[in-house]
Amino acid sequence: MKACSSGRAIEIEEVGGAADRGGHRSIVIRFPFDVALVATIRALPGRRFDTQAKCWRCPLEAIVVVVDTLAPLGFSVAPDAFAHYVANGGTRPPPEPERATPTCDDGPSSNCSLPR
């Protein structure tokens, strides 16, 4: 998982091994604990809390409602999750790529003379 600046992420993971061995794919929702977000997550279809992985999971079929609900709240959407979202009728624009912070020889600085 690529860390996002907010710590809020939507991903797709294999659960229980590969599909040919009885596993399946599910949506994984990760975020630092926030009471208001938990209430929002509990309204998602088929959601459940994975106590071992300490994350929320939803069935893959719920990808459109999950992204439409959580992306406006600052959740990053992994590329494979976004591709699945679009393939299932999602209409949000693609997420903007994260931009690197300009740095000078002395490290990150807003006073350096890098072109803007």
N, C-alpha and C. Protein backbone atom coordinates (compact mmCIF):
# COMPACT_ATOMS: atom_id res chain seq x y z
N MET A 1 0.84 -1.18 0.00
CA MET A 1 0.00 0.00 0.00
C MET A 1 0.88 1.24 0.00
N LYS A 2 0.60 2.18 -0.88
CA LYS A 2 1.30 3.45 -0.89
C LYS A 2 0.63 4.36 0.13
N ALA A 3 1.42 4.91 0.99
CA ALA A 3 0.86 5.79 2.02
C ALA A 3 0.37 7.08 1.38
N CYS A 4 -0.77 7.53 1.79
CA CYS A 4 -1.27 8.82 1.31
C CYS A 4 -1.14 9.82 2.45
N SER A 5 -1.12 11.09 2.08
CA SER A 5 -0.85 12.11 3.08
C SER A 5 -1.90 12.15 4.19
N SER A 6 -3.15 11.82 3.87
CA SER A 6 -4.19 11.85 4.89
C SER A 6 -4.28 10.56 5.68
N GLY A 7 -3.62 9.49 5.19
CA GLY A 7 -3.73 8.19 5.83
C GLY A 7 -5.04 7.50 5.50
N ARG A 8 -5.81 8.04 4.57
CA ARG A 8 -7.10 7.48 4.16
C ARG A 8 -6.92 6.83 2.79
N ALA A 9 -7.23 5.54 2.68
CA ALA A 9 -7.00 4.84 1.41
C ALA A 9 -8.09 3.83 1.11
N ILE A 10 -8.39 3.69 -0.19
CA ILE A 10 -9.29 2.68 -0.71
C ILE A 10 -8.46 1.80 -1.64
N GLU A 11 -8.46 0.49 -1.36
CA GLU A 11 -7.66 -0.45 -2.14
C GLU A 11 -8.48 -1.70 -2.41
N ILE A 12 -7.92 -2.58 -3.25
CA ILE A 12 -8.51 -3.89 -3.47
C ILE A 12 -7.46 -4.91 -3.09
N GLU A 13 -7.84 -5.92 -2.30
CA GLU A 13 -6.90 -6.96 -1.87
C GLU A 13 -7.51 -8.33 -2.05
N GLU A 14 -6.63 -9.32 -2.21
CA GLU A 14 -7.04 -10.71 -2.20
C GLU A 14 -7.29 -11.10 -0.74
N VAL A 15 -8.36 -11.82 -0.50
CA VAL A 15 -8.69 -12.27 0.85
C VAL A 15 -8.76 -13.79 0.83
N GLY A 16 -8.03 -14.43 1.73
CA GLY A 16 -8.09 -15.88 1.82
C GLY A 16 -7.38 -16.61 0.70
N GLY A 17 -6.39 -15.99 0.07
CA GLY A 17 -5.65 -16.64 -1.00
C GLY A 17 -6.22 -16.30 -2.37
N ALA A 18 -5.62 -16.86 -3.39
CA ALA A 18 -6.05 -16.59 -4.77
C ALA A 18 -7.46 -17.13 -5.00
N ALA A 19 -8.15 -16.54 -5.97
CA ALA A 19 -9.53 -16.92 -6.26
C ALA A 19 -9.65 -18.40 -6.61
N ASP A 20 -8.64 -18.96 -7.26
CA ASP A 20 -8.70 -20.38 -7.62
C ASP A 20 -8.53 -21.30 -6.41
N ARG A 21 -8.21 -20.74 -5.25
CA ARG A 21 -8.07 -21.53 -4.02
C ARG A 21 -9.12 -21.13 -2.98
N GLY A 22 -10.23 -20.59 -3.45
CA GLY A 22 -11.32 -20.25 -2.53
C GLY A 22 -11.28 -18.83 -2.00
N GLY A 23 -10.29 -18.06 -2.41
CA GLY A 23 -10.22 -16.67 -1.97
C GLY A 23 -11.07 -15.77 -2.84
N HIS A 24 -11.09 -14.52 -2.50
CA HIS A 24 -11.83 -13.54 -3.29
C HIS A 24 -11.18 -12.17 -3.11
N ARG A 25 -11.60 -11.23 -3.91
CA ARG A 25 -11.10 -9.86 -3.79
C ARG A 25 -12.14 -9.03 -3.05
N SER A 26 -11.65 -8.09 -2.25
CA SER A 26 -12.57 -7.19 -1.56
C SER A 26 -11.98 -5.79 -1.52
N ILE A 27 -12.84 -4.83 -1.27
CA ILE A 27 -12.41 -3.45 -1.09
C ILE A 27 -11.89 -3.32 0.34
N VAL A 28 -10.74 -2.69 0.48
CA VAL A 28 -10.16 -2.46 1.80
C VAL A 28 -10.15 -0.95 2.04
N ILE A 29 -10.65 -0.54 3.17
CA ILE A 29 -10.72 0.88 3.53
C ILE A 29 -9.89 1.08 4.79
N ARG A 30 -8.87 1.93 4.68
CA ARG A 30 -7.99 2.20 5.83
C ARG A 30 -8.00 3.69 6.14
N PHE A 31 -7.99 3.98 7.43
CA PHE A 31 -7.91 5.38 7.87
C PHE A 31 -7.62 5.41 9.36
N PRO A 32 -6.99 6.48 9.83
CA PRO A 32 -6.81 6.63 11.28
C PRO A 32 -8.20 6.76 11.92
N PHE A 33 -8.34 6.23 13.12
CA PHE A 33 -9.65 6.23 13.77
C PHE A 33 -10.26 7.63 13.82
N ASP A 34 -11.53 7.69 13.44
CA ASP A 34 -12.28 8.94 13.43
C ASP A 34 -13.75 8.55 13.60
N VAL A 35 -14.37 8.98 14.67
CA VAL A 35 -15.74 8.59 14.98
C VAL A 35 -16.70 8.93 13.84
N ALA A 36 -16.57 10.11 13.26
CA ALA A 36 -17.47 10.52 12.18
C ALA A 36 -17.28 9.62 10.95
N LEU A 37 -16.04 9.26 10.64
CA LEU A 37 -15.80 8.38 9.50
C LEU A 37 -16.35 6.98 9.74
N VAL A 38 -16.25 6.50 10.96
CA VAL A 38 -16.80 5.18 11.27
C VAL A 38 -18.31 5.18 10.99
N ALA A 39 -18.99 6.23 11.36
CA ALA A 39 -20.43 6.31 11.09
C ALA A 39 -20.70 6.29 9.59
N THR A 40 -19.87 6.97 8.81
CA THR A 40 -20.01 6.97 7.35
C THR A 40 -19.76 5.57 6.79
N ILE A 41 -18.71 4.91 7.26
CA ILE A 41 -18.36 3.57 6.79
C ILE A 41 -19.49 2.59 7.11
N ARG A 42 -20.09 2.73 8.29
CA ARG A 42 -21.16 1.80 8.68
C ARG A 42 -22.37 1.90 7.77
N ALA A 43 -22.50 2.98 7.03
CA ALA A 43 -23.62 3.13 6.10
C ALA A 43 -23.34 2.47 4.74
N LEU A 44 -22.10 2.00 4.51
CA LEU A 44 -21.76 1.37 3.23
C LEU A 44 -22.34 -0.04 3.16
N PRO A 45 -22.76 -0.46 1.96
CA PRO A 45 -23.35 -1.80 1.82
C PRO A 45 -22.33 -2.92 2.05
N GLY A 46 -22.70 -3.88 2.87
CA GLY A 46 -21.88 -5.07 3.08
C GLY A 46 -20.60 -4.86 3.85
N ARG A 47 -20.44 -3.72 4.48
CA ARG A 47 -19.17 -3.43 5.18
C ARG A 47 -19.03 -4.30 6.41
N ARG A 48 -17.76 -4.57 6.74
CA ARG A 48 -17.46 -5.28 7.99
C ARG A 48 -16.07 -4.86 8.42
N PHE A 49 -15.83 -4.92 9.72
CA PHE A 49 -14.52 -4.57 10.25
C PHE A 49 -13.69 -5.83 10.36
N ASP A 50 -12.48 -5.81 9.80
CA ASP A 50 -11.55 -6.93 9.87
C ASP A 50 -10.67 -6.70 11.10
N THR A 51 -10.93 -7.45 12.17
CA THR A 51 -10.22 -7.22 13.43
C THR A 51 -8.74 -7.58 13.35
N GLN A 52 -8.38 -8.56 12.51
CA GLN A 52 -6.97 -8.93 12.39
C GLN A 52 -6.18 -7.87 11.63
N ALA A 53 -6.71 -7.41 10.50
CA ALA A 53 -6.00 -6.43 9.67
C ALA A 53 -6.25 -4.99 10.13
N LYS A 54 -7.20 -4.80 11.04
CA LYS A 54 -7.55 -3.46 11.55
C LYS A 54 -7.94 -2.51 10.41
N CYS A 55 -8.86 -3.00 9.56
CA CYS A 55 -9.36 -2.18 8.47
C CYS A 55 -10.81 -2.58 8.19
N TRP A 56 -11.49 -1.77 7.40
CA TRP A 56 -12.85 -2.08 6.99
C TRP A 56 -12.81 -2.75 5.63
N ARG A 57 -13.73 -3.66 5.36
CA ARG A 57 -13.83 -4.34 4.07
C ARG A 57 -15.27 -4.23 3.56
N CYS A 58 -15.39 -4.14 2.24
CA CYS A 58 -16.69 -4.15 1.57
C CYS A 58 -16.59 -5.10 0.39
N PRO A 59 -17.72 -5.66 -0.05
CA PRO A 59 -17.67 -6.50 -1.24
C PRO A 59 -17.26 -5.67 -2.46
N LEU A 60 -16.56 -6.29 -3.38
CA LEU A 60 -16.07 -5.61 -4.57
C LEU A 60 -17.21 -4.97 -5.37
N GLU A 61 -18.38 -5.56 -5.30
CA GLU A 61 -19.54 -5.04 -6.04
C GLU A 61 -19.95 -3.65 -5.55
N ALA A 62 -19.49 -3.23 -4.38
CA ALA A 62 -19.87 -1.93 -3.81
C ALA A 62 -18.88 -0.83 -4.19
N ILE A 63 -17.97 -1.08 -5.12
CA ILE A 63 -16.89 -0.12 -5.42
C ILE A 63 -17.42 1.26 -5.79
N VAL A 64 -18.47 1.35 -6.57
CA VAL A 64 -18.96 2.67 -7.00
C VAL A 64 -19.45 3.48 -5.80
N VAL A 65 -20.27 2.89 -4.95
CA VAL A 65 -20.77 3.64 -3.79
C VAL A 65 -19.64 3.96 -2.81
N VAL A 66 -18.67 3.05 -2.66
CA VAL A 66 -17.56 3.30 -1.74
C VAL A 66 -16.73 4.50 -2.23
N VAL A 67 -16.34 4.49 -3.50
CA VAL A 67 -15.52 5.60 -4.01
C VAL A 67 -16.33 6.90 -4.02
N ASP A 68 -17.58 6.84 -4.48
CA ASP A 68 -18.40 8.06 -4.51
C ASP A 68 -18.63 8.64 -3.12
N THR A 69 -18.66 7.80 -2.10
CA THR A 69 -18.87 8.27 -0.73
C THR A 69 -17.58 8.77 -0.09
N LEU A 70 -16.48 8.06 -0.31
CA LEU A 70 -15.25 8.35 0.44
C LEU A 70 -14.24 9.25 -0.26
N ALA A 71 -14.19 9.24 -1.58
CA ALA A 71 -13.22 10.10 -2.28
C ALA A 71 -13.41 11.58 -1.94
N PRO A 72 -14.65 12.08 -1.85
CA PRO A 72 -14.81 13.48 -1.47
C PRO A 72 -14.35 13.79 -0.04
N LEU A 73 -14.14 12.75 0.77
CA LEU A 73 -13.69 12.93 2.15
C LEU A 73 -12.18 12.82 2.27
N GLY A 74 -11.47 12.84 1.14
CA GLY A 74 -10.01 12.84 1.17
C GLY A 74 -9.36 11.47 1.08
N PHE A 75 -10.11 10.44 0.73
CA PHE A 75 -9.53 9.10 0.58
C PHE A 75 -8.81 9.00 -0.75
N SER A 76 -7.60 8.44 -0.73
CA SER A 76 -6.92 8.14 -1.98
C SER A 76 -7.50 6.84 -2.52
N VAL A 77 -7.51 6.69 -3.83
CA VAL A 77 -8.05 5.49 -4.46
C VAL A 77 -6.92 4.84 -5.25
N ALA A 78 -6.57 3.61 -4.88
CA ALA A 78 -5.50 2.89 -5.56
C ALA A 78 -5.85 2.73 -7.05
N PRO A 79 -4.84 2.70 -7.92
CA PRO A 79 -5.12 2.60 -9.36
C PRO A 79 -6.00 1.40 -9.74
N ASP A 80 -5.77 0.22 -9.17
CA ASP A 80 -6.60 -0.93 -9.52
C ASP A 80 -8.03 -0.75 -9.02
N ALA A 81 -8.20 -0.11 -7.88
CA ALA A 81 -9.55 0.16 -7.37
C ALA A 81 -10.25 1.17 -8.26
N PHE A 82 -9.52 2.18 -8.73
CA PHE A 82 -10.14 3.18 -9.61
C PHE A 82 -10.52 2.56 -10.95
N ALA A 83 -9.68 1.68 -11.47
CA ALA A 83 -10.00 1.00 -12.73
C ALA A 83 -11.27 0.17 -12.57
N HIS A 84 -11.41 -0.51 -11.45
CA HIS A 84 -12.61 -1.31 -11.20
C HIS A 84 -13.83 -0.39 -11.04
N TYR A 85 -13.64 0.74 -10.41
CA TYR A 85 -14.70 1.74 -10.24
C TYR A 85 -15.22 2.20 -11.61
N VAL A 86 -14.32 2.57 -12.50
CA VAL A 86 -14.71 3.04 -13.83
C VAL A 86 -15.38 1.91 -14.62
N ALA A 87 -14.83 0.70 -14.54
CA ALA A 87 -15.39 -0.44 -15.27
C ALA A 87 -16.81 -0.78 -14.80
N ASN A 88 -17.16 -0.35 -13.60
CA ASN A 88 -18.49 -0.61 -13.06
C ASN A 88 -19.42 0.60 -13.10
N GLY A 89 -19.06 1.58 -13.92
CA GLY A 89 -19.95 2.72 -14.14
C GLY A 89 -19.64 3.96 -13.32
N GLY A 90 -18.54 3.97 -12.58
CA GLY A 90 -18.18 5.16 -11.81
C GLY A 90 -17.86 6.32 -12.73
N THR A 91 -18.23 7.52 -12.31
CA THR A 91 -18.08 8.69 -13.18
C THR A 91 -17.19 9.79 -12.63
N ARG A 92 -16.58 9.56 -11.47
CA ARG A 92 -15.68 10.58 -10.92
C ARG A 92 -14.46 10.71 -11.83
N PRO A 93 -13.86 11.90 -11.90
CA PRO A 93 -12.61 12.03 -12.67
C PRO A 93 -11.49 11.28 -11.97
N PRO A 94 -10.46 10.88 -12.73
CA PRO A 94 -9.34 10.15 -12.10
C PRO A 94 -8.67 11.02 -11.04
N PRO A 95 -8.13 10.37 -10.02
CA PRO A 95 -7.44 11.14 -8.98
C PRO A 95 -6.20 11.81 -9.55
N GLU A 96 -5.89 12.98 -9.05
CA GLU A 96 -4.69 13.68 -9.50
C GLU A 96 -3.47 13.01 -8.91
N PRO A 97 -2.40 12.86 -9.70
CA PRO A 97 -1.18 12.26 -9.14
C PRO A 97 -0.61 13.15 -8.04
N GLU A 98 -0.02 12.49 -7.04
CA GLU A 98 0.60 13.27 -5.97
C GLU A 98 1.82 13.97 -6.53
N ARG A 99 1.99 15.22 -6.17
CA ARG A 99 3.12 16.01 -6.66
C ARG A 99 4.23 16.04 -5.63
N ALA A 100 5.44 15.96 -6.13
CA ALA A 100 6.60 16.02 -5.23
C ALA A 100 6.77 17.45 -4.73
N THR A 101 7.22 17.58 -3.51
CA THR A 101 7.51 18.88 -2.93
C THR A 101 8.85 19.36 -3.47
N PRO A 102 8.91 20.59 -4.00
CA PRO A 102 10.20 21.10 -4.49
C PRO A 102 11.23 21.11 -3.36
N THR A 103 12.43 20.76 -3.69
CA THR A 103 13.49 20.78 -2.69
C THR A 103 14.70 21.50 -3.25
N CYS A 104 15.51 22.05 -2.36
CA CYS A 104 16.79 22.65 -2.71
C CYS A 104 17.87 21.77 -2.11
N ASP A 105 19.10 22.13 -2.31
CA ASP A 105 20.19 21.34 -1.77
C ASP A 105 20.10 21.22 -0.25
N ASP A 106 19.49 22.20 0.39
CA ASP A 106 19.37 22.20 1.85
C ASP A 106 18.13 21.47 2.34
N GLY A 107 17.37 20.84 1.45
CA GLY A 107 16.15 20.15 1.84
C GLY A 107 14.93 20.93 1.41
N PRO A 108 13.72 20.48 1.81
CA PRO A 108 12.50 21.18 1.42
C PRO A 108 12.53 22.64 1.87
N SER A 109 12.14 23.51 0.97
CA SER A 109 12.17 24.93 1.32
C SER A 109 11.23 25.70 0.42
N SER A 110 10.53 26.66 0.98
CA SER A 110 9.69 27.52 0.17
C SER A 110 10.50 28.73 -0.32
N ASN A 111 11.73 28.86 0.14
CA ASN A 111 12.56 30.00 -0.25
C ASN A 111 13.55 29.67 -1.36
N CYS A 112 13.54 28.47 -1.87
CA CYS A 112 14.52 28.12 -2.90
C CYS A 112 14.12 28.73 -4.23
N SER A 113 15.03 28.75 -5.16
CA SER A 113 14.78 29.43 -6.44
C SER A 113 14.46 28.44 -7.55
N LEU A 114 13.67 27.42 -7.25
CA LEU A 114 13.25 26.48 -8.28
C LEU A 114 12.17 27.13 -9.14
N PRO A 115 12.16 26.82 -10.43
CA PRO A 115 11.10 27.40 -11.28
C PRO A 115 9.73 26.90 -10.86
N ARG A 116 8.75 27.74 -10.99
CA ARG A 116 7.39 27.37 -10.62
C ARG A 116 6.56 27.14 -11.84
